[in-house]
Protein backbone atom coordinates (compact mmCIF):
# COMPACT_ATOMS: atom_id res chain seq x y z
CA UNK A 1 187.10 41.20 58.32
CA UNK A 2 183.75 42.11 59.53
CA UNK A 3 181.82 40.11 58.50
CA UNK A 4 178.11 41.18 56.27
CA UNK A 5 175.61 40.47 59.26
CA UNK A 6 177.95 41.72 62.08
CA UNK A 7 177.51 45.18 59.62
CA UNK A 8 173.66 45.11 59.22
CA UNK A 9 173.07 44.05 62.78
CA UNK A 10 175.48 47.09 64.44
CA UNK A 11 173.55 49.28 61.12
CA UNK A 12 170.71 48.63 61.86
CA UNK A 13 170.73 48.62 65.87
CA UNK A 14 171.51 52.71 65.44
CA UNK A 15 168.82 52.85 62.61
CA UNK A 16 166.37 52.14 65.31
CA UNK A 17 167.42 54.02 68.52
CA UNK A 18 167.60 56.95 66.39
CA UNK A 19 163.63 56.63 65.83
CA UNK A 20 161.85 60.02 65.42
CA UNK A 21 158.79 60.27 67.19
CA UNK A 22 159.69 57.58 69.65
CA UNK A 23 156.95 57.92 72.81
CA UNK A 24 158.46 58.37 75.69
CA UNK A 25 156.17 57.31 77.47
CA UNK A 26 156.43 53.60 77.12
CA UNK A 27 158.77 51.66 78.98
CA UNK A 28 159.80 47.82 78.75
CA UNK A 29 159.86 46.92 82.24
CA UNK A 30 161.06 43.62 81.34
CA UNK A 31 161.21 41.33 78.27
CA UNK A 32 157.84 41.52 76.62
CA UNK A 33 156.36 43.96 79.22
CA UNK A 34 156.10 47.80 77.75
CA UNK A 35 154.40 50.45 80.40
CA UNK A 36 152.63 53.25 79.03
CA UNK A 37 151.82 56.21 80.68
CA UNK A 38 149.20 58.21 80.86
CA UNK A 39 146.03 59.67 82.07
CA UNK A 40 142.75 57.73 83.74
CA UNK A 41 139.30 58.96 83.93
CA UNK A 42 136.37 56.86 85.46
CA UNK A 43 133.12 56.26 83.45
CA UNK A 44 130.08 54.49 84.10
CA UNK A 45 130.41 50.83 82.97
CA UNK A 46 127.11 49.50 81.17
CA UNK A 47 128.00 46.96 77.55
CA UNK A 48 131.50 47.75 76.77
CA UNK A 49 132.66 46.86 73.93
CA UNK A 50 133.95 43.98 74.33
CA UNK A 51 130.51 42.55 74.35
CA UNK A 52 129.97 42.19 78.21
CA UNK A 53 127.27 44.03 80.63
CA UNK A 54 129.17 45.26 83.81
CA UNK A 55 128.98 47.35 87.32
CA UNK A 56 129.98 50.10 88.60
CA UNK A 57 131.55 47.58 91.00
CA UNK A 58 133.61 45.45 88.55
CA UNK A 59 137.15 45.86 88.36
CA UNK A 60 137.34 46.77 84.91
CA UNK A 61 138.97 49.33 82.37
CA UNK A 62 138.92 50.79 78.78
CA UNK A 63 141.41 51.82 76.64
CA UNK A 64 141.35 53.90 73.74
CA UNK A 65 140.23 52.64 70.33
CA UNK A 66 144.42 52.89 68.99
CA UNK A 67 144.84 50.16 70.78
CA UNK A 68 141.68 48.19 71.57
CA UNK A 69 141.64 47.37 67.79
CA UNK A 70 139.25 45.51 66.96
CA UNK A 71 138.97 43.73 70.58
CA UNK A 72 142.17 42.07 70.66
CA UNK A 73 142.63 42.75 74.37
CA UNK A 74 139.25 41.80 75.56
CA UNK A 75 139.66 40.49 78.77
CA UNK A 76 143.18 40.47 79.08
CA UNK A 77 143.97 41.68 82.99
CA UNK A 78 146.36 45.09 83.08
CA UNK A 79 148.17 46.49 86.35
CA UNK A 80 147.57 50.29 86.60
CA UNK A 81 149.12 52.21 89.19
CA UNK A 82 148.58 55.90 90.32
CA UNK A 83 152.19 57.56 89.67
CA UNK A 84 150.99 60.16 92.53
CA UNK A 85 150.80 57.63 95.31
CA UNK A 86 152.14 54.20 94.01
CA UNK A 87 148.95 52.16 94.31
CA UNK A 88 147.69 49.76 92.28
CA UNK A 89 144.86 47.58 90.69
CA UNK A 90 144.82 44.65 88.52
CA UNK A 91 141.45 45.84 85.65
CA UNK A 92 139.75 43.44 83.05
CA UNK A 93 139.71 44.59 79.38
CA UNK A 94 136.36 45.46 78.92
CA UNK A 95 135.98 47.90 76.76
CA UNK A 96 137.41 51.05 73.95
CA UNK A 97 137.59 54.86 74.84
CA UNK A 98 137.38 56.59 71.16
CA UNK A 99 137.96 60.12 72.63
CA UNK A 100 140.88 58.68 75.06
CA UNK A 101 144.66 59.47 73.98
CA UNK A 102 146.42 56.41 73.23
CA UNK A 103 147.83 55.55 76.11
CA UNK A 104 144.43 57.06 78.51
CA UNK A 105 142.11 54.74 79.83
CA UNK A 106 138.77 54.54 82.01
CA UNK A 107 138.22 53.33 84.72
CA UNK A 108 135.11 51.60 86.13
CA UNK A 109 133.77 53.63 89.33
CA UNK A 110 135.60 51.10 92.13
CA UNK A 111 139.03 50.10 90.26
CA UNK A 112 139.04 54.21 89.82
CA UNK A 113 138.58 54.54 93.35
CA UNK A 114 140.88 51.66 94.96
CA UNK A 115 143.59 54.05 93.34
CA UNK A 116 143.14 57.58 94.12
CA UNK A 117 140.83 59.90 95.28
CA UNK A 118 137.00 60.17 93.20
CA UNK A 119 136.70 63.65 93.48
CA UNK A 120 140.10 64.07 90.99
CA UNK A 121 138.43 62.74 88.21
CA UNK A 122 141.88 62.20 86.63
CA UNK A 123 144.79 60.36 87.89
CA UNK A 124 148.31 59.96 86.44
CA UNK A 125 149.03 56.85 85.49
CA UNK A 126 151.01 53.64 84.66
CA UNK A 127 149.81 50.55 83.24
CA UNK A 128 150.39 47.18 81.59
CA UNK A 129 148.88 44.41 80.00
CA UNK A 130 149.63 41.04 81.93
CA UNK A 131 150.37 37.72 80.06
CA UNK A 132 147.28 36.45 77.87
CA UNK A 133 147.44 33.75 80.38
CA UNK A 134 147.68 35.58 83.77
CA UNK A 135 145.76 34.55 86.37
CA UNK A 136 144.74 37.16 89.59
CA UNK A 137 145.42 35.27 92.91
CA UNK A 138 142.38 37.86 94.39
CA UNK A 139 138.50 37.44 93.44
CA UNK A 140 138.45 39.92 90.40
CA UNK A 141 136.46 39.40 87.89
CA UNK A 142 136.81 35.26 86.63
CA UNK A 143 134.05 35.20 84.82
CA UNK A 144 133.76 36.28 81.07
CA UNK A 145 130.16 35.53 80.51
CA UNK A 146 129.28 39.50 82.60
CA UNK A 147 129.39 41.08 85.61
CA UNK A 148 131.18 39.71 88.99
CA UNK A 149 128.75 38.62 91.84
CA UNK A 150 131.41 39.23 94.24
CA UNK A 151 131.67 42.97 96.14
CA UNK A 152 134.44 42.88 97.95
CA UNK A 153 137.59 41.46 96.51
CA UNK A 154 140.83 40.83 97.73
CA UNK A 155 143.47 43.51 97.72
CA UNK A 156 140.61 46.05 97.26
CA UNK A 157 137.97 47.93 99.40
CA UNK A 158 134.96 48.68 96.99
CA UNK A 159 134.52 52.47 97.34
CA UNK A 160 131.41 54.28 99.21
CA UNK A 161 128.95 55.97 97.67
CA UNK A 162 130.01 59.69 96.53
CA UNK A 163 126.95 61.92 97.23
CA UNK A 164 127.45 63.00 93.72
CA UNK A 165 125.36 61.62 91.07
CA UNK A 166 127.65 63.39 89.11
CA UNK A 167 130.29 61.64 86.48
CA UNK A 168 133.31 63.13 86.38
CA UNK A 169 134.03 61.80 82.54
CA UNK A 170 135.88 63.22 81.22
CA UNK A 171 137.07 66.79 83.22
CA UNK A 172 135.51 69.52 83.01
CA UNK A 173 138.86 71.22 80.90
CA UNK A 174 138.61 68.46 78.86
CA UNK A 175 135.15 68.40 77.50
CA UNK A 176 134.31 68.42 74.01
CA UNK A 177 130.76 68.29 72.38
CA UNK A 178 131.41 63.98 71.06
CA UNK A 179 131.65 61.63 73.57
CA UNK A 180 135.06 60.77 75.22
CA UNK A 181 133.85 56.75 75.26
CA UNK A 182 131.85 54.65 74.26
């Protein structure tokens, strides 16, 4: 005889496996880790939604306001991987992006350049938040009080300055009358 609990659990499993609208671009890599697939742009650093002033040399990221919410991920580390070349960078969440798609992100100039060609203006990326207690092994902005004073970070080369002063954010094809990110 099948118990009511077993029947309910099987039914719930079937129901959840058929949820309409479940995103195809989110994967669970290991318990508790969700990988998002989106587009990364780069933009100017400065005062972000988390209340910190950062520079273009800091390894930081802005996330969609749909995920940012009230800032519960401020200062949380993320790993961002360029799908095309497999290069990854660890960045710290410091800002939100009002014009970004749910899984799109905005990297600082140095974070973007560490995983891809800055002249492209956008990259297809996968990213995930690290655990709240994650501590990077490199010297990326350990301070929660503002920009890092270090110009070199283990495993990441600060890119040379671009000959162009134009910020490609977002690419012209995606520009609208409203700014992409705060």
